[in-house]
């Protein structure tokens, strides 16, 4: 289910942050529903989200991925 996968993704983000000593922000926009017209917004940040997003806006990413890159990740260990 979506809720279970979302929690798994957040757990992986936390593990990556702690074990690899990286700072990260994860933003998940849920699908709009009759109950939540805009969809639920879920956020995880390893540090202050505003500081991390400001840093993001000041830099140019060295790696950018979209759903079009999915095939590249086939066979990558979880």
N, C-alpha and C. Protein backbone atom coordinates (compact mmCIF):
# COMPACT_ATOMS: atom_id res chain seq x y z
N UNK A 1 0.83 -1.19 0.00
CA UNK A 1 0.00 0.00 0.00
C UNK A 1 0.87 1.25 0.00
N UNK A 2 0.25 2.37 -0.34
CA UNK A 2 0.98 3.63 -0.38
C UNK A 2 1.55 3.99 0.99
N UNK A 3 0.74 3.86 2.03
CA UNK A 3 1.18 4.25 3.37
C UNK A 3 2.40 3.44 3.80
N UNK A 4 2.39 2.15 3.53
CA UNK A 4 3.51 1.28 3.91
C UNK A 4 4.77 1.64 3.13
N UNK A 5 4.63 1.86 1.84
CA UNK A 5 5.78 2.24 1.01
C UNK A 5 6.34 3.61 1.40
N UNK A 6 5.44 4.52 1.73
CA UNK A 6 5.86 5.86 2.16
C UNK A 6 6.70 5.77 3.43
N UNK A 7 6.23 4.99 4.40
CA UNK A 7 6.98 4.84 5.64
C UNK A 7 8.33 4.16 5.40
N UNK A 8 8.36 3.20 4.48
CA UNK A 8 9.62 2.54 4.12
C UNK A 8 10.61 3.51 3.50
N UNK A 9 10.09 4.41 2.65
CA UNK A 9 10.94 5.40 2.01
C UNK A 9 11.50 6.38 3.03
N UNK A 10 10.67 6.80 3.97
CA UNK A 10 11.13 7.70 5.02
C UNK A 10 12.19 7.01 5.87
N UNK A 11 11.98 5.74 6.21
CA UNK A 11 12.97 5.00 6.99
C UNK A 11 14.29 4.92 6.24
N UNK A 12 14.24 4.63 4.93
CA UNK A 12 15.47 4.56 4.12
C UNK A 12 16.17 5.92 4.08
N UNK A 13 15.41 6.99 3.99
CA UNK A 13 15.99 8.33 3.99
C UNK A 13 16.71 8.60 5.30
N UNK A 14 16.08 8.23 6.42
CA UNK A 14 16.71 8.40 7.73
C UNK A 14 17.99 7.59 7.83
N UNK A 15 17.94 6.34 7.38
CA UNK A 15 19.12 5.48 7.43
C UNK A 15 20.25 6.05 6.58
N UNK A 16 19.94 6.51 5.38
CA UNK A 16 20.95 7.09 4.50
C UNK A 16 21.57 8.32 5.14
N UNK A 17 20.74 9.14 5.75
CA UNK A 17 21.22 10.35 6.41
C UNK A 17 22.18 10.02 7.55
N UNK A 18 21.80 9.08 8.39
CA UNK A 18 22.60 8.73 9.56
C UNK A 18 23.85 7.93 9.17
N UNK A 19 23.66 6.87 8.41
CA UNK A 19 24.77 5.96 8.11
C UNK A 19 25.80 6.55 7.15
N UNK A 20 25.36 7.42 6.24
CA UNK A 20 26.27 8.00 5.25
C UNK A 20 26.61 9.46 5.53
N UNK A 21 26.10 9.96 6.65
CA UNK A 21 26.36 11.33 7.07
C UNK A 21 26.06 12.34 5.95
N UNK A 22 24.85 12.23 5.41
CA UNK A 22 24.40 13.17 4.38
C UNK A 22 23.18 13.92 4.91
N UNK A 23 22.97 15.10 4.38
CA UNK A 23 21.79 15.89 4.71
C UNK A 23 20.78 15.70 3.60
N UNK A 24 19.53 15.55 3.95
CA UNK A 24 18.55 15.32 2.90
C UNK A 24 17.17 15.84 3.27
N UNK A 25 16.41 16.10 2.22
CA UNK A 25 15.02 16.49 2.34
C UNK A 25 14.23 15.56 1.43
N UNK A 26 13.14 15.05 1.95
CA UNK A 26 12.24 14.20 1.18
C UNK A 26 10.87 14.83 1.25
N UNK A 27 10.28 15.08 0.10
CA UNK A 27 8.94 15.67 0.03
C UNK A 27 8.07 14.73 -0.78
N UNK A 28 6.92 14.37 -0.22
CA UNK A 28 5.98 13.47 -0.90
C UNK A 28 4.63 14.17 -0.99
N UNK A 29 4.17 14.37 -2.21
CA UNK A 29 2.85 14.93 -2.44
C UNK A 29 1.90 13.78 -2.71
N UNK A 30 0.94 13.59 -1.83
CA UNK A 30 -0.05 12.54 -2.03
C UNK A 30 -1.06 12.94 -3.10
N UNK A 31 -1.74 11.95 -3.63
CA UNK A 31 -2.76 12.17 -4.65
C UNK A 31 -3.98 12.82 -4.00
N UNK A 32 -4.55 13.85 -4.63
CA UNK A 32 -5.77 14.46 -4.09
C UNK A 32 -6.90 13.42 -3.97
N UNK A 33 -7.68 13.56 -2.92
CA UNK A 33 -8.81 12.67 -2.68
C UNK A 33 -10.02 13.53 -2.31
N UNK A 34 -11.20 12.93 -2.25
CA UNK A 34 -12.37 13.71 -1.81
C UNK A 34 -12.19 14.31 -0.40
N UNK A 35 -11.47 13.61 0.46
CA UNK A 35 -11.23 14.09 1.82
C UNK A 35 -10.16 15.18 1.84
N UNK A 36 -9.10 14.97 1.09
CA UNK A 36 -7.99 15.93 1.03
C UNK A 36 -7.88 16.44 -0.41
N UNK A 37 -8.50 17.57 -0.69
CA UNK A 37 -8.61 18.08 -2.07
C UNK A 37 -7.25 18.34 -2.72
N UNK A 38 -6.24 18.69 -1.92
CA UNK A 38 -4.92 18.97 -2.48
C UNK A 38 -3.96 17.79 -2.30
N UNK A 39 -4.39 16.76 -1.61
CA UNK A 39 -3.51 15.63 -1.31
C UNK A 39 -2.69 15.92 -0.07
N UNK A 40 -2.25 14.87 0.58
CA UNK A 40 -1.47 15.04 1.80
C UNK A 40 -0.02 15.34 1.44
N UNK A 41 0.58 16.23 2.18
CA UNK A 41 1.98 16.58 2.01
C UNK A 41 2.76 15.98 3.17
N UNK A 42 3.78 15.18 2.85
CA UNK A 42 4.63 14.57 3.86
C UNK A 42 6.05 15.07 3.65
N UNK A 43 6.72 15.40 4.75
CA UNK A 43 8.07 15.94 4.66
C UNK A 43 8.98 15.25 5.67
N UNK A 44 10.19 14.93 5.25
CA UNK A 44 11.25 14.48 6.15
C UNK A 44 12.47 15.34 5.84
N UNK A 45 13.15 15.79 6.86
CA UNK A 45 14.39 16.53 6.68
C UNK A 45 15.35 16.11 7.78
N UNK A 46 16.60 15.88 7.41
CA UNK A 46 17.60 15.47 8.38
C UNK A 46 18.03 16.63 9.27
N UNK A 47 17.82 17.83 8.79
CA UNK A 47 18.10 19.06 9.55
C UNK A 47 16.98 20.04 9.23
N UNK A 48 17.16 21.28 9.59
CA UNK A 48 16.14 22.30 9.32
C UNK A 48 15.83 22.36 7.83
N UNK A 49 14.59 22.11 7.48
CA UNK A 49 14.19 22.03 6.08
C UNK A 49 14.43 23.34 5.35
N UNK A 50 14.19 24.46 5.99
CA UNK A 50 14.39 25.76 5.32
C UNK A 50 15.86 25.98 4.97
N UNK A 51 16.75 25.61 5.87
CA UNK A 51 18.19 25.76 5.59
C UNK A 51 18.62 24.84 4.45
N UNK A 52 18.13 23.61 4.46
CA UNK A 52 18.51 22.68 3.40
C UNK A 52 17.96 23.11 2.05
N UNK A 53 16.73 23.60 2.01
CA UNK A 53 16.15 24.04 0.74
C UNK A 53 16.84 25.31 0.23
N UNK A 54 17.24 26.20 1.12
CA UNK A 54 17.98 27.39 0.71
C UNK A 54 19.31 26.98 0.08
N UNK A 55 19.96 26.01 0.70
CA UNK A 55 21.22 25.50 0.15
C UNK A 55 21.00 24.88 -1.22
N UNK A 56 19.91 24.13 -1.36
CA UNK A 56 19.56 23.52 -2.65
C UNK A 56 19.39 24.58 -3.73
N UNK A 57 18.72 25.66 -3.39
CA UNK A 57 18.44 26.71 -4.37
C UNK A 57 19.71 27.45 -4.80
N UNK A 58 20.75 27.41 -3.99
CA UNK A 58 22.00 28.10 -4.29
C UNK A 58 22.95 27.27 -5.13
N UNK A 59 22.68 26.00 -5.28
CA UNK A 59 23.61 25.10 -5.97
C UNK A 59 22.99 24.52 -7.23
N UNK A 60 23.85 24.01 -8.09
CA UNK A 60 23.41 23.31 -9.29
C UNK A 60 23.60 21.81 -9.05
N UNK A 61 22.56 21.01 -9.20
CA UNK A 61 22.70 19.57 -8.94
C UNK A 61 23.71 18.92 -9.88
N UNK A 62 24.49 17.99 -9.34
CA UNK A 62 25.40 17.22 -10.18
C UNK A 62 24.73 15.96 -10.71
N UNK A 63 23.64 15.55 -10.07
CA UNK A 63 22.86 14.40 -10.52
C UNK A 63 21.38 14.76 -10.41
N UNK A 64 20.63 14.49 -11.49
CA UNK A 64 19.18 14.75 -11.52
C UNK A 64 18.51 13.52 -12.12
N UNK A 65 17.49 13.01 -11.43
CA UNK A 65 16.79 11.82 -11.91
C UNK A 65 15.30 12.09 -12.00
N UNK A 66 14.67 11.44 -12.97
CA UNK A 66 13.22 11.49 -13.13
C UNK A 66 12.72 10.06 -13.34
N UNK A 67 11.43 9.88 -13.47
CA UNK A 67 10.87 8.56 -13.74
C UNK A 67 11.39 7.98 -15.05
N UNK A 68 11.83 8.84 -15.96
CA UNK A 68 12.37 8.37 -17.24
C UNK A 68 13.66 7.57 -17.05
N UNK A 69 14.30 7.72 -15.90
CA UNK A 69 15.56 7.03 -15.62
C UNK A 69 15.36 5.68 -14.92
N UNK A 70 14.13 5.24 -14.80
CA UNK A 70 13.81 4.03 -14.05
C UNK A 70 14.63 2.82 -14.49
N UNK A 71 14.77 2.61 -15.80
CA UNK A 71 15.49 1.44 -16.30
C UNK A 71 16.94 1.40 -15.81
N UNK A 72 17.52 2.54 -15.55
CA UNK A 72 18.89 2.62 -15.09
C UNK A 72 19.04 1.99 -13.70
N UNK A 73 17.96 1.97 -12.93
CA UNK A 73 18.01 1.46 -11.57
C UNK A 73 17.57 0.01 -11.43
N UNK A 74 17.21 -0.61 -12.53
CA UNK A 74 16.84 -2.03 -12.47
C UNK A 74 18.06 -2.84 -12.04
N UNK A 75 17.86 -3.72 -11.10
CA UNK A 75 18.95 -4.56 -10.63
C UNK A 75 19.80 -3.92 -9.54
N UNK A 76 19.51 -2.67 -9.19
CA UNK A 76 20.26 -2.02 -8.11
C UNK A 76 19.73 -2.57 -6.79
N UNK A 77 20.66 -2.98 -5.93
CA UNK A 77 20.25 -3.56 -4.64
C UNK A 77 19.50 -2.56 -3.81
N UNK A 78 18.51 -3.05 -3.07
CA UNK A 78 17.72 -2.16 -2.20
C UNK A 78 18.37 -2.01 -0.85
